Amino acid sequence: PGLDPAHRLRVLAGGYGLGRADRAALPRVIEQATAVCRAFVERRVARGDAAYTAAYERSGPAVWDRHQEWLADHRPALTAALLAD
């Protein structure tokens, strides 16, 4: 499996002992956590925090957009892997 994201997420969920319901919810929880992180960074940038502003200027919102799009696009495959017996 190597770097297969679905396999890695399944291993992570197993390591935490997540049950079926929690596994089914995990991809959306990751999407929600990503949105919260993005909002946090954007608030820091808006306040003029130099470190966050410098990092944000290097990568910009496009990195967040790509990450969130990837998560949404792969949600069905991630969920299927998490629920596979």
Protein backbone atom coordinates (compact mmCIF):
# COMPACT_ATOMS: atom_id res chain seq x y z
CA PRO A 1 0.00 0.00 0.00
CA GLY A 2 2.90 2.43 0.55
CA LEU A 3 1.63 5.99 0.48
CA ASP A 4 -1.96 5.08 -0.41
CA PRO A 5 -3.99 7.71 1.50
CA ALA A 6 -7.03 5.47 1.99
CA HIS A 7 -4.89 2.69 3.45
CA ARG A 8 -3.03 5.11 5.70
CA LEU A 9 -6.28 6.60 6.98
CA ARG A 10 -7.58 3.09 7.69
CA VAL A 11 -4.42 2.32 9.69
CA LEU A 12 -4.81 5.58 11.62
CA ALA A 13 -8.46 4.83 12.42
CA GLY A 14 -7.52 1.32 13.52
CA GLY A 15 -4.74 2.64 15.71
CA TYR A 16 -7.25 4.82 17.53
CA GLY A 17 -9.71 1.95 17.81
CA LEU A 18 -12.47 3.80 15.97
CA GLY A 19 -15.74 1.95 15.57
CA ARG A 20 -17.77 1.80 12.38
CA ALA A 21 -19.76 5.00 13.03
CA ASP A 22 -16.65 7.00 13.87
CA ARG A 23 -14.87 5.62 10.81
CA ALA A 24 -17.80 6.65 8.61
CA ALA A 25 -17.65 10.17 10.04
CA LEU A 26 -13.86 10.57 9.88
CA PRO A 27 -13.49 11.96 6.32
CA ARG A 28 -15.98 14.75 7.02
CA VAL A 29 -14.36 15.44 10.39
CA ILE A 30 -11.03 15.88 8.61
CA GLU A 31 -12.70 18.27 6.16
CA GLN A 32 -14.18 20.24 9.07
CA ALA A 33 -10.83 20.36 10.86
CA THR A 34 -9.17 21.62 7.69
CA ALA A 35 -11.75 24.40 7.38
CA VAL A 36 -11.19 25.37 11.03
CA CYS A 37 -7.41 25.46 10.50
CA ARG A 38 -7.81 27.57 7.39
CA ALA A 39 -10.06 30.05 9.22
CA PHE A 40 -7.53 30.26 12.06
CA VAL A 41 -4.68 31.04 9.66
CA GLU A 42 -6.77 33.60 7.79
CA ARG A 43 -7.70 35.33 11.07
CA ARG A 44 -4.04 35.53 12.03
CA VAL A 45 -3.19 36.99 8.62
CA ALA A 46 -6.02 39.52 8.95
CA ARG A 47 -4.61 40.59 12.33
CA GLY A 48 -1.21 41.17 10.76
CA ASP A 49 0.66 38.30 12.42
CA ALA A 50 3.99 38.44 10.59
CA ALA A 51 4.78 34.71 10.68
CA TYR A 52 1.35 33.66 9.44
CA THR A 53 1.29 36.42 6.84
CA ALA A 54 4.68 35.40 5.44
CA ALA A 55 3.67 31.74 5.23
CA TYR A 56 0.30 32.61 3.71
CA GLU A 57 1.92 34.86 1.12
CA ARG A 58 4.19 31.99 0.05
CA SER A 59 1.37 29.51 -0.46
CA GLY A 60 -1.80 31.58 -0.51
CA PRO A 61 -5.36 30.37 -0.43
CA ALA A 62 -4.79 28.09 -3.42
CA VAL A 63 -3.09 25.51 -1.20
CA TRP A 64 -6.11 25.41 1.09
CA ASP A 65 -8.44 25.26 -1.91
CA ARG A 66 -6.56 22.28 -3.38
CA HIS A 67 -6.44 20.49 -0.06
CA GLN A 68 -10.15 20.96 0.60
CA GLU A 69 -11.03 19.98 -2.97
CA TRP A 70 -8.92 16.81 -2.71
CA LEU A 71 -10.59 15.83 0.55
CA ALA A 72 -14.08 16.35 -0.90
CA ASP A 73 -13.24 14.53 -4.14
CA HIS A 74 -11.77 11.55 -2.30
CA ARG A 75 -14.33 11.34 0.50
CA PRO A 76 -16.19 8.36 -1.07
CA ALA A 77 -12.99 6.34 -1.53
CA LEU A 78 -11.72 7.20 1.94
CA THR A 79 -15.05 6.28 3.51
CA ALA A 80 -15.20 3.01 1.57
CA ALA A 81 -11.69 2.09 2.72
CA LEU A 82 -12.52 2.93 6.32
CA LEU A 83 -15.64 0.76 6.25
CA ALA A 84 -14.19 -2.19 4.33
CA ASP A 85 -14.05 -5.43 6.29
